[in-house]
Amino acid sequence: MGPNLSDIGDRRTAERLQRSIVAPDEEVLPENRFVSVALKDGTTVRGRLLNHDALSVQLIDAKEQLRSFQTSAMSGYTILVKGLMPSFAEKLSVPQVADVVAYLLSLKGTDQ
């Protein structure tokens, strides 16, 4: 359910990648925001937010299915301001974070 990282080395600097690993909630891009939709039948659906307006909410769920909900079927929805990625600040050593950053920097897009 996360973003495509196949070309992250072209899109981010080493410093931004390092901050994303140790403090992921500092920068959550709009295209990576999640939403929790509460339906009137009592169920809750979470997924990556695609769009929302006065009439509906569209998201991609955990099974990568496009889901659309009319506001008339919802009891409410919440756009999550924090990402779903946990912080690794206390779980990885400085050299381990550096290794992950080096790997991510190696991921470059390919021209085809």
PDB file of N, CA and C in Angstrom:
ATOM      1  N   MET A   1       0.800  -1.200   0.000  1.00  0.00           N
ATOM      2  CA  MET A   1       0.000   0.000   0.000  1.00  0.00           C
ATOM      3  C   MET A   1       0.841   1.261   0.000  1.00  0.00           C
ATOM      4  N   GLY A   2       2.132   1.109   0.027  1.00  0.00           N
ATOM      5  CA  GLY A   2       2.987   2.285   0.038  1.00  0.00           C
ATOM      6  C   GLY A   2       3.294   2.787  -1.355  1.00  0.00           C
ATOM      7  N   PRO A   3       4.060   3.853  -1.424  1.00  0.00           N
ATOM      8  CA  PRO A   3       4.411   4.425  -2.724  1.00  0.00           C
ATOM      9  C   PRO A   3       5.382   3.542  -3.491  1.00  0.00           C
ATOM     10  N   ASN A   4       5.410   3.725  -4.799  1.00  0.00           N
ATOM     11  CA  ASN A   4       6.347   3.027  -5.671  1.00  0.00           C
ATOM     12  C   ASN A   4       7.738   3.618  -5.442  1.00  0.00           C
ATOM     13  N   LEU A   5       8.688   2.787  -5.061  1.00  0.00           N
ATOM     14  CA  LEU A   5      10.046   3.255  -4.773  1.00  0.00           C
ATOM     15  C   LEU A   5      11.034   2.901  -5.872  1.00  0.00           C
ATOM     16  N   SER A   6      10.568   2.393  -7.005  1.00  0.00           N
ATOM     17  CA  SER A   6      11.471   1.892  -8.034  1.00  0.00           C
ATOM     18  C   SER A   6      12.409   2.956  -8.603  1.00  0.00           C
ATOM     19  N   ASP A   7      12.058   4.231  -8.474  1.00  0.00           N
ATOM     20  CA  ASP A   7      12.944   5.297  -8.956  1.00  0.00           C
ATOM     21  C   ASP A   7      13.192   6.357  -7.880  1.00  0.00           C
ATOM     22  N   ILE A   8      13.094   5.966  -6.625  1.00  0.00           N
ATOM     23  CA  ILE A   8      13.232   6.914  -5.521  1.00  0.00           C
ATOM     24  C   ILE A   8      14.610   7.585  -5.510  1.00  0.00           C
ATOM     25  N   GLY A   9      15.629   6.902  -6.001  1.00  0.00           N
ATOM     26  CA  GLY A   9      16.973   7.483  -6.059  1.00  0.00           C
ATOM     27  C   GLY A   9      17.059   8.665  -7.004  1.00  0.00           C
ATOM     28  N   ASP A  10      16.144   8.747  -7.970  1.00  0.00           N
ATOM     29  CA  ASP A  10      16.084   9.899  -8.869  1.00  0.00           C
ATOM     30  C   ASP A  10      15.295  11.053  -8.262  1.00  0.00           C
ATOM     31  N   ARG A  11      14.425  10.749  -7.313  1.00  0.00           N
ATOM     32  CA  ARG A  11      13.489  11.755  -6.808  1.00  0.00           C
ATOM     33  C   ARG A  11      13.843  12.337  -5.448  1.00  0.00           C
ATOM     34  N   ARG A  12      14.737  11.702  -4.701  1.00  0.00           N
ATOM     35  CA  ARG A  12      15.041  12.166  -3.343  1.00  0.00           C
ATOM     36  C   ARG A  12      16.544  12.264  -3.121  1.00  0.00           C
ATOM     37  N   THR A  13      16.921  13.192  -2.273  1.00  0.00           N
ATOM     38  CA  THR A  13      18.322  13.293  -1.849  1.00  0.00           C
ATOM     39  C   THR A  13      18.561  12.318  -0.698  1.00  0.00           C
ATOM     40  N   ALA A  14      19.824  12.093  -0.393  1.00  0.00           N
ATOM     41  CA  ALA A  14      20.166  11.213   0.725  1.00  0.00           C
ATOM     42  C   ALA A  14      19.585  11.744   2.034  1.00  0.00           C
ATOM     43  N   GLU A  15      19.621  13.058   2.213  1.00  0.00           N
ATOM     44  CA  GLU A  15      19.119  13.656   3.444  1.00  0.00           C
ATOM     45  C   GLU A  15      17.611  13.439   3.601  1.00  0.00           C
ATOM     46  N   ARG A  16      16.869  13.620   2.510  1.00  0.00           N
ATOM     47  CA  ARG A  16      15.406  13.418   2.584  1.00  0.00           C
ATOM     48  C   ARG A  16      15.064  11.959   2.830  1.00  0.00           C
ATOM     49  N   LEU A  17      15.819  11.053   2.231  1.00  0.00           N
ATOM     50  CA  LEU A  17      15.575   9.629   2.469  1.00  0.00           C
ATOM     51  C   LEU A  17      15.846   9.277   3.936  1.00  0.00           C
ATOM     52  N   GLN A  18      16.937   9.795   4.462  1.00  0.00           N
ATOM     53  CA  GLN A  18      17.287   9.519   5.860  1.00  0.00           C
ATOM     54  C   GLN A  18      16.190  10.036   6.790  1.00  0.00           C
ATOM     55  N   ARG A  19      15.678  11.251   6.544  1.00  0.00           N
ATOM     56  CA  ARG A  19      14.605  11.809   7.379  1.00  0.00           C
ATOM     57  C   ARG A  19      13.329  10.981   7.242  1.00  0.00           C
ATOM     58  N   SER A  20      13.072  10.476   6.061  1.00  0.00           N
ATOM     59  CA  SER A  20      11.875   9.658   5.852  1.00  0.00           C
ATOM     60  C   SER A  20      11.934   8.354   6.638  1.00  0.00           C
ATOM     61  N   ILE A  21      13.129   7.866   6.886  1.00  0.00           N
ATOM     62  CA  ILE A  21      13.291   6.616   7.637  1.00  0.00           C
ATOM     63  C   ILE A  21      13.184   6.865   9.136  1.00  0.00           C
ATOM     64  N   VAL A  22      13.813   7.910   9.620  1.00  0.00           N
ATOM     65  CA  VAL A  22      13.829   8.134  11.069  1.00  0.00           C
ATOM     66  C   VAL A  22      12.659   8.984  11.562  1.00  0.00           C
ATOM     67  N   ALA A  23      12.064   9.787  10.691  1.00  0.00           N
ATOM     68  CA  ALA A  23      10.933  10.639  11.086  1.00  0.00           C
ATOM     69  C   ALA A  23       9.921  10.702   9.931  1.00  0.00           C
ATOM     70  N   PRO A  24       9.270   9.587   9.626  1.00  0.00           N
ATOM     71  CA  PRO A  24       8.421   9.510   8.432  1.00  0.00           C
ATOM     72  C   PRO A  24       7.212  10.440   8.435  1.00  0.00           C
ATOM     73  N   ASP A  25       6.751  10.871   9.589  1.00  0.00           N
ATOM     74  CA  ASP A  25       5.558  11.728   9.634  1.00  0.00           C
ATOM     75  C   ASP A  25       5.855  13.205   9.377  1.00  0.00           C
ATOM     76  N   GLU A  26       7.143  13.571   9.280  1.00  0.00           N
ATOM     77  CA  GLU A  26       7.491  14.971   9.014  1.00  0.00           C
ATOM     78  C   GLU A  26       7.047  15.413   7.626  1.00  0.00           C
ATOM     79  N   GLU A  27       7.074  14.500   6.670  1.00  0.00           N
ATOM     80  CA  GLU A  27       6.672  14.838   5.303  1.00  0.00           C
ATOM     81  C   GLU A  27       5.869  13.677   4.721  1.00  0.00           C
ATOM     82  N   VAL A  28       4.560  13.837   4.700  1.00  0.00           N
ATOM     83  CA  VAL A  28       3.689  12.857   4.057  1.00  0.00           C
ATOM     84  C   VAL A  28       3.063  13.572   2.865  1.00  0.00           C
ATOM     85  N   LEU A  29       3.492  13.176   1.685  1.00  0.00           N
ATOM     86  CA  LEU A  29       2.996  13.821   0.470  1.00  0.00           C
ATOM     87  C   LEU A  29       1.506  13.538   0.302  1.00  0.00           C
ATOM     88  N   PRO A  30       0.777  14.477  -0.283  1.00  0.00           N
ATOM     89  CA  PRO A  30      -0.675  14.272  -0.457  1.00  0.00           C
ATOM     90  C   PRO A  30      -1.027  12.959  -1.148  1.00  0.00           C
ATOM     91  N   GLU A  31      -0.212  12.545  -2.120  1.00  0.00           N
ATOM     92  CA  GLU A  31      -0.520  11.291  -2.823  1.00  0.00           C
ATOM     93  C   GLU A  31      -0.264  10.045  -1.971  1.00  0.00           C
ATOM     94  N   ASN A  32       0.339  10.222  -0.802  1.00  0.00           N
ATOM     95  CA  ASN A  32       0.585   9.100   0.100  1.00  0.00           C
ATOM     96  C   ASN A  32      -0.266   9.163   1.364  1.00  0.00           C
ATOM     97  N   ARG A  33      -1.271  10.020   1.376  1.00  0.00           N
ATOM     98  CA  ARG A  33      -2.152  10.136   2.534  1.00  0.00           C
ATOM     99  C   ARG A  33      -3.167   9.006   2.529  1.00  0.00           C
ATOM    100  N   PHE A  34      -3.544   8.606   3.714  1.00  0.00           N
ATOM    101  CA  PHE A  34      -4.536   7.546   3.875  1.00  0.00           C
ATOM    102  C   PHE A  34      -5.815   8.117   4.449  1.00  0.00           C
ATOM    103  N   VAL A  35      -6.891   7.385   4.240  1.00  0.00           N
ATOM    104  CA  VAL A  35      -8.196   7.806   4.713  1.00  0.00           C
ATOM    105  C   VAL A  35      -8.858   6.614   5.397  1.00  0.00           C
ATOM    106  N   SER A  36      -9.633   6.902   6.409  1.00  0.00           N
ATOM    107  CA  SER A  36     -10.440   5.896   7.095  1.00  0.00           C
ATOM    108  C   SER A  36     -11.897   6.295   6.897  1.00  0.00           C
ATOM    109  N   VAL A  37     -12.657   5.416   6.253  1.00  0.00           N
ATOM    110  CA  VAL A  37     -14.062   5.683   5.945  1.00  0.00           C
ATOM    111  C   VAL A  37     -14.933   4.839   6.864  1.00  0.00           C
ATOM    112  N   ALA A  38     -15.809   5.482   7.615  1.00  0.00           N
ATOM    113  CA  ALA A  38     -16.774   4.787   8.480  1.00  0.00           C
ATOM    114  C   ALA A  38     -18.111   4.751   7.744  1.00  0.00           C
ATOM    115  N   LEU A  39     -18.573   3.538   7.483  1.00  0.00           N
ATOM    116  CA  LEU A  39     -19.839   3.376   6.767  1.00  0.00           C
ATOM    117  C   LEU A  39     -20.999   3.280   7.748  1.00  0.00           C
ATOM    118  N   LYS A  40     -22.179   3.612   7.277  1.00  0.00           N
ATOM    119  CA  LYS A  40     -23.368   3.586   8.135  1.00  0.00           C
ATOM    120  C   LYS A  40     -23.711   2.181   8.610  1.00  0.00           C
ATOM    121  N   ASP A  41     -23.221   1.138   7.905  1.00  0.00           N
ATOM    122  CA  ASP A  41     -23.484  -0.239   8.340  1.00  0.00           C
ATOM    123  C   ASP A  41     -22.541  -0.687   9.456  1.00  0.00           C
ATOM    124  N   GLY A  42     -21.642   0.228   9.898  1.00  0.00           N
ATOM    125  CA  GLY A  42     -20.744  -0.065  11.011  1.00  0.00           C
ATOM    126  C   GLY A  42     -19.351  -0.510  10.603  1.00  0.00           C
ATOM    127  N   THR A  43     -19.121  -0.760   9.337  1.00  0.00           N
ATOM    128  CA  THR A  43     -17.800  -1.183   8.894  1.00  0.00           C
ATOM    129  C   THR A  43     -16.909   0.034   8.635  1.00  0.00           C
ATOM    130  N   THR A  44     -15.620  -0.228   8.676  1.00  0.00           N
ATOM    131  CA  THR A  44     -14.625   0.808   8.409  1.00  0.00           C
ATOM    132  C   THR A  44     -13.696   0.304   7.322  1.00  0.00           C
ATOM    133  N   VAL A  45     -13.373   1.170   6.387  1.00  0.00           N
ATOM    134  CA  VAL A  45     -12.470   0.834   5.290  1.00  0.00           C
ATOM    135  C   VAL A  45     -11.344   1.852   5.301  1.00  0.00           C
ATOM    136  N   ARG A  46     -10.102   1.350   5.198  1.00  0.00           N
ATOM    137  CA  ARG A  46      -8.940   2.235   5.139  1.00  0.00           C
ATOM    138  C   ARG A  46      -8.209   2.017   3.834  1.00  0.00           C
ATOM    139  N   GLY A  47      -7.608   3.053   3.334  1.00  0.00           N
ATOM    140  CA  GLY A  47      -6.828   2.921   2.113  1.00  0.00           C
ATOM    141  C   GLY A  47      -6.154   4.218   1.760  1.00  0.00           C
ATOM    142  N   ARG A  48      -5.393   4.171   0.668  1.00  0.00           N
ATOM    143  CA  ARG A  48      -4.689   5.356   0.193  1.00  0.00           C
ATOM    144  C   ARG A  48      -5.684   6.260  -0.522  1.00  0.00           C
ATOM    145  N   LEU A  49      -5.760   7.487  -0.078  1.00  0.00           N
ATOM    146  CA  LEU A  49      -6.714   8.453  -0.600  1.00  0.00           C
ATOM    147  C   LEU A  49      -6.376   8.827  -2.038  1.00  0.00           C
ATOM    148  N   LEU A  50      -7.370   8.717  -2.918  1.00  0.00           N
ATOM    149  CA  LEU A  50      -7.214   9.169  -4.296  1.00  0.00           C
ATOM    150  C   LEU A  50      -7.886  10.508  -4.509  1.00  0.00           C
ATOM    151  N   ASN A  51      -9.116  10.631  -3.985  1.00  0.00           N
ATOM    152  CA  ASN A  51      -9.880  11.856  -4.194  1.00  0.00           C
ATOM    153  C   ASN A  51     -11.018  11.899  -3.181  1.00  0.00           C
ATOM    154  N   HIS A  52     -11.449  13.109  -2.872  1.00  0.00           N
ATOM    155  CA  HIS A  52     -12.648  13.269  -2.055  1.00  0.00           C
ATOM    156  C   HIS A  52     -13.275  14.602  -2.406  1.00  0.00           C
ATOM    157  N   ASP A  53     -14.592  14.632  -2.342  1.00  0.00           N
ATOM    158  CA  ASP A  53     -15.335  15.863  -2.594  1.00  0.00           C
ATOM    159  C   ASP A  53     -16.621  15.805  -1.778  1.00  0.00           C
ATOM    160  N   ALA A  54     -17.542  16.676  -2.037  1.00  0.00           N
ATOM    161  CA  ALA A  54     -18.779  16.737  -1.251  1.00  0.00           C
ATOM    162  C   ALA A  54     -19.666  15.510  -1.451  1.00  0.00           C
ATOM    163  N   LEU A  55     -19.456  14.762  -2.518  1.00  0.00           N
ATOM    164  CA  LEU A  55     -20.338  13.633  -2.833  1.00  0.00           C
ATOM    165  C   LEU A  55     -19.745  12.257  -2.571  1.00  0.00           C
ATOM    166  N   SER A  56     -18.394  12.144  -2.584  1.00  0.00           N
ATOM    167  CA  SER A  56     -17.809  10.810  -2.476  1.00  0.00           C
ATOM    168  C   SER A  56     -16.355  10.848  -2.022  1.00  0.00           C
ATOM    169  N   VAL A  57     -15.865   9.646  -1.687  1.00  0.00           N
ATOM    170  CA  VAL A  57     -14.455   9.439  -1.350  1.00  0.00           C
ATOM    171  C   VAL A  57     -13.988   8.243  -2.179  1.00  0.00           C
ATOM    172  N   GLN A  58     -12.840   8.398  -2.837  1.00  0.00           N
ATOM    173  CA  GLN A  58     -12.254   7.303  -3.590  1.00  0.00           C
ATOM    174  C   GLN A  58     -10.914   6.950  -2.971  1.00  0.00           C
ATOM    175  N   LEU A  59     -10.660   5.639  -2.865  1.00  0.00           N
ATOM    176  CA  LEU A  59      -9.423   5.163  -2.275  1.00  0.00           C
ATOM    177  C   LEU A  59      -8.986   3.864  -2.925  1.00  0.00           C
ATOM    178  N   ILE A  60      -7.736   3.492  -2.676  1.00  0.00           N
ATOM    179  CA  ILE A  60      -7.198   2.187  -3.054  1.00  0.00           C
ATOM    180  C   ILE A  60      -7.027   1.428  -1.742  1.00  0.00           C
ATOM    181  N   ASP A  61      -7.681   0.259  -1.635  1.00  0.00           N
ATOM    182  CA  ASP A  61      -7.628  -0.495  -0.379  1.00  0.00           C
ATOM    183  C   ASP A  61      -6.396  -1.390  -0.308  1.00  0.00           C
ATOM    184  N   ALA A  62      -6.277  -2.160   0.772  1.00  0.00           N
ATOM    185  CA  ALA A  62      -5.112  -3.018   1.009  1.00  0.00           C
ATOM    186  C   ALA A  62      -4.941  -4.082  -0.069  1.00  0.00           C
ATOM    187  N   LYS A  63      -6.005  -4.426  -0.766  1.00  0.00           N
ATOM    188  CA  LYS A  63      -5.937  -5.410  -1.852  1.00  0.00           C
ATOM    189  C   LYS A  63      -5.725  -4.731  -3.204  1.00  0.00           C
ATOM    190  N   GLU A  64      -5.376  -3.431  -3.163  1.00  0.00           N
ATOM    191  CA  GLU A  64      -5.155  -2.605  -4.340  1.00  0.00           C
ATOM    192  C   GLU A  64      -6.383  -2.531  -5.243  1.00  0.00           C
ATOM    193  N   GLN A  65      -7.555  -2.541  -4.606  1.00  0.00           N
ATOM    194  CA  GLN A  65      -8.819  -2.380  -5.316  1.00  0.00           C
ATOM    195  C   GLN A  65      -9.276  -0.933  -5.203  1.00  0.00           C
ATOM    196  N   LEU A  66      -9.740  -0.373  -6.315  1.00  0.00           N
ATOM    197  CA  LEU A  66     -10.319   0.954  -6.300  1.00  0.00           C
ATOM    198  C   LEU A  66     -11.670   0.879  -5.615  1.00  0.00           C
ATOM    199  N   ARG A  67     -11.883   1.717  -4.617  1.00  0.00           N
ATOM    200  CA  ARG A  67     -13.157   1.742  -3.890  1.00  0.00           C
ATOM    201  C   ARG A  67     -13.688   3.165  -3.906  1.00  0.00           C
ATOM    202  N   SER A  68     -14.974   3.305  -4.094  1.00  0.00           N
ATOM    203  CA  SER A  68     -15.618   4.606  -4.090  1.00  0.00           C
ATOM    204  C   SER A  68     -16.826   4.534  -3.174  1.00  0.00           C
ATOM    205  N   PHE A  69     -16.965   5.517  -2.304  1.00  0.00           N
ATOM    206  CA  PHE A  69     -18.057   5.551  -1.343  1.00  0.00           C
ATOM    207  C   PHE A  69     -18.795   6.872  -1.456  1.00  0.00           C
ATOM    208  N   GLN A  70     -20.106   6.797  -1.591  1.00  0.00           N
ATOM    209  CA  GLN A  70     -20.937   7.992  -1.605  1.00  0.00           C
ATOM    210  C   GLN A  70     -21.067   8.507  -0.169  1.00  0.00           C
ATOM    211  N   THR A  71     -21.063   9.806   0.004  1.00  0.00           N
ATOM    212  CA  THR A  71     -21.174  10.361   1.352  1.00  0.00           C
ATOM    213  C   THR A  71     -22.486   9.953   2.013  1.00  0.00           C
ATOM    214  N   SER A  72     -23.517   9.672   1.226  1.00  0.00           N
ATOM    215  CA  SER A  72     -24.798   9.253   1.796  1.00  0.00           C
ATOM    216  C   SER A  72     -24.708   7.886   2.467  1.00  0.00           C
ATOM    217  N   ALA A  73     -23.695   7.074   2.113  1.00  0.00           N
ATOM    218  CA  ALA A  73     -23.518   5.746   2.714  1.00  0.00           C
ATOM    219  C   ALA A  73     -22.535   5.774   3.885  1.00  0.00           C
ATOM    220  N   MET A  74     -21.934   6.945   4.140  1.00  0.00           N
ATOM    221  CA  MET A  74     -20.914   7.061   5.185  1.00  0.00           C
ATOM    222  C   MET A  74     -21.462   7.769   6.414  1.00  0.00           C
ATOM    223  N   SER A  75     -20.956   7.352   7.559  1.00  0.00           N
ATOM    224  CA  SER A  75     -21.235   8.126   8.760  1.00  0.00           C
ATOM    225  C   SER A  75     -20.135   9.165   8.964  1.00  0.00           C
ATOM    226  N   GLY A  76     -19.040   9.020   8.216  1.00  0.00           N
ATOM    227  CA  GLY A  76     -17.958   9.991   8.249  1.00  0.00           C
ATOM    228  C   GLY A  76     -16.677   9.417   7.682  1.00  0.00           C
ATOM    229  N   TYR A  77     -15.692  10.288   7.519  1.00  0.00           N
ATOM    230  CA  TYR A  77     -14.374   9.827   7.086  1.00  0.00           C
ATOM    231  C   TYR A  77     -13.314  10.758   7.653  1.00  0.00           C
ATOM    232  N   THR A  78     -12.124  10.199   7.814  1.00  0.00           N
ATOM    233  CA  THR A  78     -11.008  10.944   8.379  1.00  0.00           C
ATOM    234  C   THR A  78      -9.798  10.778   7.480  1.00  0.00           C
ATOM    235  N   ILE A  79      -9.221  11.880   7.058  1.00  0.00           N
ATOM    236  CA  ILE A  79      -7.972  11.830   6.314  1.00  0.00           C
ATOM    237  C   ILE A  79      -6.856  11.798   7.344  1.00  0.00           C
ATOM    238  N   LEU A  80      -6.041  10.771   7.283  1.00  0.00           N
ATOM    239  CA  LEU A  80      -4.984  10.580   8.261  1.00  0.00           C
ATOM    240  C   LEU A  80      -3.800  11.476   7.904  1.00  0.00           C
ATOM    241  N   VAL A  81      -3.384  12.299   8.844  1.00  0.00           N
ATOM    242  CA  VAL A  81      -2.298  13.237   8.575  1.00  0.00           C
ATOM    243  C   VAL A  81      -0.930  12.601   8.767  1.00  0.00           C
ATOM    244  N   LYS A  82      -0.882  11.482   9.431  1.00  0.00           N
ATOM    245  CA  LYS A  82       0.369  10.762   9.605  1.00  0.00           C
ATOM    246  C   LYS A  82       0.396   9.604   8.620  1.00  0.00           C
ATOM    247  N   GLY A  83       1.601   9.234   8.221  1.00  0.00           N
ATOM    248  CA  GLY A  83       1.764   8.095   7.328  1.00  0.00           C
ATOM    249  C   GLY A  83       1.618   6.788   8.082  1.00  0.00           C
ATOM    250  N   LEU A  84       1.621   5.702   7.351  1.00  0.00           N
ATOM    251  CA  LEU A  84       1.518   4.387   7.980  1.00  0.00           C
ATOM    252  C   LEU A  84       2.883   3.774   8.269  1.00  0.00           C
ATOM    253  N   MET A  85       3.947   4.412   7.765  1.00  0.00           N
ATOM    254  CA  MET A  85       5.283   3.885   7.988  1.00  0.00           C
ATOM    255  C   MET A  85       5.743   4.224   9.401  1.00  0.00           C
ATOM    256  N   PRO A  86       6.197   3.216  10.134  1.00  0.00           N
ATOM    257  CA  PRO A  86       6.709   3.494  11.485  1.00  0.00           C
ATOM    258  C   PRO A  86       8.080   4.161  11.409  1.00  0.00           C
ATOM    259  N   SER A  87       8.450   4.842  12.481  1.00  0.00           N
ATOM    260  CA  SER A  87       9.779   5.426  12.576  1.00  0.00           C
ATOM    261  C   SER A  87      10.781   4.318  12.906  1.00  0.00           C
ATOM    262  N   PHE A  88      11.933   4.381  12.275  1.00  0.00           N
ATOM    263  CA  PHE A  88      12.981   3.405  12.562  1.00  0.00           C
ATOM    264  C   PHE A  88      14.134   4.038  13.334  1.00  0.00           C
ATOM    265  N   ALA A  89      13.902   5.213  13.905  1.00  0.00           N
ATOM    266  CA  ALA A  89      14.942   5.949  14.617  1.00  0.00           C
ATOM    267  C   ALA A  89      15.550   5.143  15.757  1.00  0.00           C
ATOM    268  N   GLU A  90      14.739   4.398  16.472  1.00  0.00           N
ATOM    269  CA  GLU A  90      15.240   3.651  17.621  1.00  0.00           C
ATOM    270  C   GLU A  90      15.465   2.186  17.315  1.00  0.00           C
ATOM    271  N   LYS A  91      15.122   1.763  16.095  1.00  0.00           N
ATOM    272  CA  LYS A  91      15.239   0.346  15.736  1.00  0.00           C
ATOM    273  C   LYS A  91      16.483   0.046  14.911  1.00  0.00           C
ATOM    274  N   LEU A  92      16.975   1.059  14.199  1.00  0.00           N
ATOM    275  CA  LEU A  92      18.147   0.866  13.347  1.00  0.00           C
ATOM    276  C   LEU A  92      19.297   1.736  13.834  1.00  0.00           C
ATOM    277  N   SER A  93      20.496   1.189  13.730  1.00  0.00           N
ATOM    278  CA  SER A  93      21.685   1.980  14.082  1.00  0.00           C
ATOM    279  C   SER A  93      21.963   2.978  12.954  1.00  0.00           C
ATOM    280  N   VAL A  94      22.824   3.943  13.229  1.00  0.00           N
ATOM    281  CA  VAL A  94      23.199   4.939  12.217  1.00  0.00           C
ATOM    282  C   VAL A  94      23.781   4.251  10.974  1.00  0.00           C
ATOM    283  N   PRO A  95      24.678   3.264  11.116  1.00  0.00           N
ATOM    284  CA  PRO A  95      25.187   2.581   9.920  1.00  0.00           C
ATOM    285  C   PRO A  95      24.091   1.811   9.162  1.00  0.00           C
ATOM    286  N   GLN A  96      23.127   1.241   9.877  1.00  0.00           N
ATOM    287  CA  GLN A  96      22.039   0.531   9.207  1.00  0.00           C
ATOM    288  C   GLN A  96      21.168   1.493   8.400  1.00  0.00           C
ATOM    289  N   VAL A  97      20.867   2.660   8.969  1.00  0.00           N
ATOM    290  CA  VAL A  97      20.101   3.673   8.229  1.00  0.00           C
ATOM    291  C   VAL A  97      20.885   4.097   6.992  1.00  0.00           C
ATOM    292  N   ALA A  98      22.190   4.284   7.136  1.00  0.00           N
ATOM    293  CA  ALA A  98      23.030   4.669   5.996  1.00  0.00           C
ATOM    294  C   ALA A  98      22.986   3.606   4.908  1.00  0.00           C
ATOM    295  N   ASP A  99      22.970   2.338   5.289  1.00  0.00           N
ATOM    296  CA  ASP A  99      22.890   1.251   4.309  1.00  0.00           C
ATOM    297  C   ASP A  99      21.557   1.281   3.560  1.00  0.00           C
ATOM    298  N   VAL A 100      20.459   1.514   4.280  1.00  0.00           N
ATOM    299  CA  VAL A 100      19.139   1.585   3.644  1.00  0.00           C
ATOM    300  C   VAL A 100      19.096   2.780   2.689  1.00  0.00           C
ATOM    301  N   VAL A 101      19.621   3.921   3.117  1.00  0.00           N
ATOM    302  CA  VAL A 101      19.651   5.110   2.259  1.00  0.00           C
ATOM    303  C   VAL A 101      20.470   4.832   0.999  1.00  0.00           C
ATOM    304  N   ALA A 102      21.623   4.191   1.149  1.00  0.00           N
ATOM    305  CA  ALA A 102      22.461   3.874  -0.015  1.00  0.00           C
ATOM    306  C   ALA A 102      21.709   2.978  -0.993  1.00  0.00           C
ATOM    307  N   TYR A 103      20.996   1.996  -0.471  1.00  0.00           N
ATOM    308  CA  TYR A 103      20.208   1.117  -1.347  1.00  0.00           C
ATOM    309  C   TYR A 103      19.120   1.910  -2.069  1.00  0.00           C
ATOM    310  N   LEU A 104      18.382   2.733  -1.329  1.00  0.00           N
ATOM    311  CA  LEU A 104      17.309   3.514  -1.946  1.00  0.00           C
ATOM    312  C   LEU A 104      17.852   4.473  -3.003  1.00  0.00           C
ATOM    313  N   LEU A 105      19.012   5.065  -2.755  1.00  0.00           N
ATOM    314  CA  LEU A 105      19.621   5.948  -3.740  1.00  0.00           C
ATOM    315  C   LEU A 105      19.994   5.213  -5.016  1.00  0.00           C
ATOM    316  N   SER A 106      20.241   3.907  -4.905  1.00  0.00           N
ATOM    317  CA  SER A 106      20.605   3.114  -6.081  1.00  0.00           C
ATOM    318  C   SER A 106      19.406   2.805  -6.976  1.00  0.00           C
ATOM    319  N   LEU A 107      18.195   3.035  -6.464  1.00  0.00           N
ATOM    320  CA  LEU A 107      16.992   2.750  -7.241  1.00  0.00           C
ATOM    321  C   LEU A 107      16.729   3.906  -8.196  1.00  0.00           C
ATOM    322  N   LYS A 108      17.024   3.681  -9.434  1.00  0.00           N
ATOM    323  CA  LYS A 108      16.880   4.722 -10.459  1.00  0.00           C
ATOM    324  C   LYS A 108      15.902   4.245 -11.508  1.00  0.00           C
ATOM    325  N   GLY A 109      15.176   5.186 -12.068  1.00  0.00           N
ATOM    326  CA  GLY A 109      14.241   4.856 -13.152  1.00  0.00           C
ATOM    327  C   GLY A 109      15.010   4.437 -14.390  1.00  0.00           C
ATOM    328  N   THR A 110      14.364   3.715 -15.248  1.00  0.00           N
ATOM    329  CA  THR A 110      14.999   3.289 -16.493  1.00  0.00           C
ATOM    330  C   THR A 110      14.270   3.909 -17.671  1.00  0.00           C
ATOM    331  N   ASP A 111      15.002   4.384 -18.618  1.00  0.00           N
ATOM    332  CA  ASP A 111      14.418   4.936 -19.847  1.00  0.00           C
ATOM    333  C   ASP A 111      14.179   3.789 -20.810  1.00  0.00           C
ATOM    334  N   GLN A 112      12.953   3.679 -21.246  1.00  0.00           N
ATOM    335  CA  GLN A 112      12.641   2.597 -22.189  1.00  0.00           C
ATOM    336  C   GLN A 112      11.953   3.120 -23.391  1.00  0.00           C
TER     337      GLN A 112
END
